[in-house]
Amino acid sequence: MNWLVWIIFGLIAGAIAKFIMPGKDPGGFIVTIIIGIVGAVVGGYLGTMFLGIGVTGFNLPSMGVAIGGSLLLLFLYRLIKK
């Protein structure tokens, strides 16, 4: 169940991160989804490690952590691709 939550949060977080940071990214929507899923995992790990907040289910703090991780990865992806 936990992996399914990460994937769903990642899909939503990737779309929201793309909305917050619009731009032309290579790879299109599929890469955005992958960045969202990986960003949710990274955000969950970093949130648990530094803030004590992880992805614990469908709730607002978990969504914030997933979006934060997705924004971080989207930013790093754009830096690398330049």
C-alpha atoms as a PDB file:
ATOM      1  CA  MET A   1       0.000   0.000   0.000  1.00  0.00           C
ATOM      2  CA  ASN A   2       2.814   2.396   0.844  1.00  0.00           C
ATOM      3  CA  TRP A   3       4.352   2.215  -2.660  1.00  0.00           C
ATOM      4  CA  LEU A   4       0.972   2.859  -4.242  1.00  0.00           C
ATOM      5  CA  VAL A   5       0.607   6.018  -2.124  1.00  0.00           C
ATOM      6  CA  TRP A   6       4.078   7.198  -3.214  1.00  0.00           C
ATOM      7  CA  ILE A   7       3.239   6.656  -6.895  1.00  0.00           C
ATOM      8  CA  ILE A   8      -0.123   8.419  -6.713  1.00  0.00           C
ATOM      9  CA  PHE A   9       1.370  11.295  -4.728  1.00  0.00           C
ATOM     10  CA  GLY A  10       4.191  11.432  -7.250  1.00  0.00           C
ATOM     11  CA  LEU A  11       1.799  11.734 -10.161  1.00  0.00           C
ATOM     12  CA  ILE A  12      -0.108  14.544  -8.489  1.00  0.00           C
ATOM     13  CA  ALA A  13       3.026  16.236  -7.116  1.00  0.00           C
ATOM     14  CA  GLY A  14       4.731  16.148 -10.522  1.00  0.00           C
ATOM     15  CA  ALA A  15       1.764  17.837 -12.158  1.00  0.00           C
ATOM     16  CA  ILE A  16       1.591  20.489  -9.431  1.00  0.00           C
ATOM     17  CA  ALA A  17       5.363  21.078  -9.583  1.00  0.00           C
ATOM     18  CA  LYS A  18       5.108  21.568 -13.345  1.00  0.00           C
ATOM     19  CA  PHE A  19       2.265  24.029 -12.760  1.00  0.00           C
ATOM     20  CA  ILE A  20       4.310  25.962 -10.178  1.00  0.00           C
ATOM     21  CA  MET A  21       7.479  25.928 -12.315  1.00  0.00           C
ATOM     22  CA  PRO A  22       6.234  26.110 -15.907  1.00  0.00           C
ATOM     23  CA  GLY A  23       8.671  25.866 -18.744  1.00  0.00           C
ATOM     24  CA  LYS A  24       9.732  23.809 -21.689  1.00  0.00           C
ATOM     25  CA  ASP A  25      11.386  20.707 -20.347  1.00  0.00           C
ATOM     26  CA  PRO A  26      12.850  17.977 -22.511  1.00  0.00           C
ATOM     27  CA  GLY A  27      10.956  14.740 -22.141  1.00  0.00           C
ATOM     28  CA  GLY A  28       7.499  16.231 -21.755  1.00  0.00           C
ATOM     29  CA  PHE A  29       4.781  14.877 -19.518  1.00  0.00           C
ATOM     30  CA  ILE A  30       6.313  11.432 -18.981  1.00  0.00           C
ATOM     31  CA  VAL A  31       9.510  12.914 -17.519  1.00  0.00           C
ATOM     32  CA  THR A  32       7.398  15.209 -15.339  1.00  0.00           C
ATOM     33  CA  ILE A  33       5.549  12.168 -13.960  1.00  0.00           C
ATOM     34  CA  ILE A  34       8.816  10.335 -13.290  1.00  0.00           C
ATOM     35  CA  ILE A  35      10.271  13.425 -11.594  1.00  0.00           C
ATOM     36  CA  GLY A  36       7.086  13.639  -9.506  1.00  0.00           C
ATOM     37  CA  ILE A  37       7.308  10.038  -8.354  1.00  0.00           C
ATOM     38  CA  VAL A  38      11.022  10.214  -7.564  1.00  0.00           C
ATOM     39  CA  GLY A  39      10.477  13.658  -6.006  1.00  0.00           C
ATOM     40  CA  ALA A  40       7.823  12.245  -3.693  1.00  0.00           C
ATOM     41  CA  VAL A  41      10.246   9.549  -2.563  1.00  0.00           C
ATOM     42  CA  VAL A  42      13.085  12.055  -2.101  1.00  0.00           C
ATOM     43  CA  GLY A  43      10.787  14.541  -0.369  1.00  0.00           C
ATOM     44  CA  GLY A  44       9.507  11.816   1.934  1.00  0.00           C
ATOM     45  CA  TYR A  45      13.031  10.747   2.798  1.00  0.00           C
ATOM     46  CA  LEU A  46      14.309  14.295   3.390  1.00  0.00           C
ATOM     47  CA  GLY A  47      11.132  15.333   5.207  1.00  0.00           C
ATOM     48  CA  THR A  48      11.381  12.369   7.547  1.00  0.00           C
ATOM     49  CA  MET A  49      15.089  12.874   8.104  1.00  0.00           C
ATOM     50  CA  PHE A  50      15.121  16.635   8.723  1.00  0.00           C
ATOM     51  CA  LEU A  51      11.582  17.625   9.687  1.00  0.00           C
ATOM     52  CA  GLY A  52      10.047  14.458  11.048  1.00  0.00           C
ATOM     53  CA  ILE A  53       7.326  14.681   8.372  1.00  0.00           C
ATOM     54  CA  GLY A  54       6.919  11.837   5.912  1.00  0.00           C
ATOM     55  CA  VAL A  55       4.349  10.503   3.518  1.00  0.00           C
ATOM     56  CA  THR A  56       1.905   8.805   5.875  1.00  0.00           C
ATOM     57  CA  GLY A  57      -1.209   8.629   3.724  1.00  0.00           C
ATOM     58  CA  PHE A  58      -3.495  10.926   1.819  1.00  0.00           C
ATOM     59  CA  ASN A  59      -3.191  14.094   3.881  1.00  0.00           C
ATOM     60  CA  LEU A  60      -1.998  17.664   3.444  1.00  0.00           C
ATOM     61  CA  PRO A  61       1.449  17.384   5.099  1.00  0.00           C
ATOM     62  CA  SER A  62       2.262  14.340   2.986  1.00  0.00           C
ATOM     63  CA  MET A  63       1.218  16.155  -0.178  1.00  0.00           C
ATOM     64  CA  GLY A  64       3.369  19.147   0.792  1.00  0.00           C
ATOM     65  CA  VAL A  65       6.390  16.891   1.280  1.00  0.00           C
ATOM     66  CA  ALA A  66       5.806  15.211  -2.085  1.00  0.00           C
ATOM     67  CA  ILE A  67       5.400  18.539  -3.907  1.00  0.00           C
ATOM     68  CA  GLY A  68       8.507  19.948  -2.213  1.00  0.00           C
ATOM     69  CA  GLY A  69      10.580  16.967  -3.326  1.00  0.00           C
ATOM     70  CA  SER A  70       9.199  17.231  -6.859  1.00  0.00           C
ATOM     71  CA  LEU A  71      10.019  20.933  -7.040  1.00  0.00           C
ATOM     72  CA  LEU A  72      13.550  20.225  -5.835  1.00  0.00           C
ATOM     73  CA  LEU A  73      14.096  17.522  -8.442  1.00  0.00           C
ATOM     74  CA  LEU A  74      12.534  19.587 -11.226  1.00  0.00           C
ATOM     75  CA  PHE A  75      14.877  22.455 -10.342  1.00  0.00           C
ATOM     76  CA  LEU A  76      17.906  20.144 -10.328  1.00  0.00           C
ATOM     77  CA  TYR A  77      16.790  18.509 -13.601  1.00  0.00           C
ATOM     78  CA  ARG A  78      16.637  21.903 -15.286  1.00  0.00           C
ATOM     79  CA  LEU A  79      20.080  22.827 -13.973  1.00  0.00           C
ATOM     80  CA  ILE A  80      21.581  19.615 -15.309  1.00  0.00           C
ATOM     81  CA  LYS A  81      19.843  19.842 -18.694  1.00  0.00           C
ATOM     82  CA  LYS A  82      21.211  23.364 -19.334  1.00  0.00           C
END
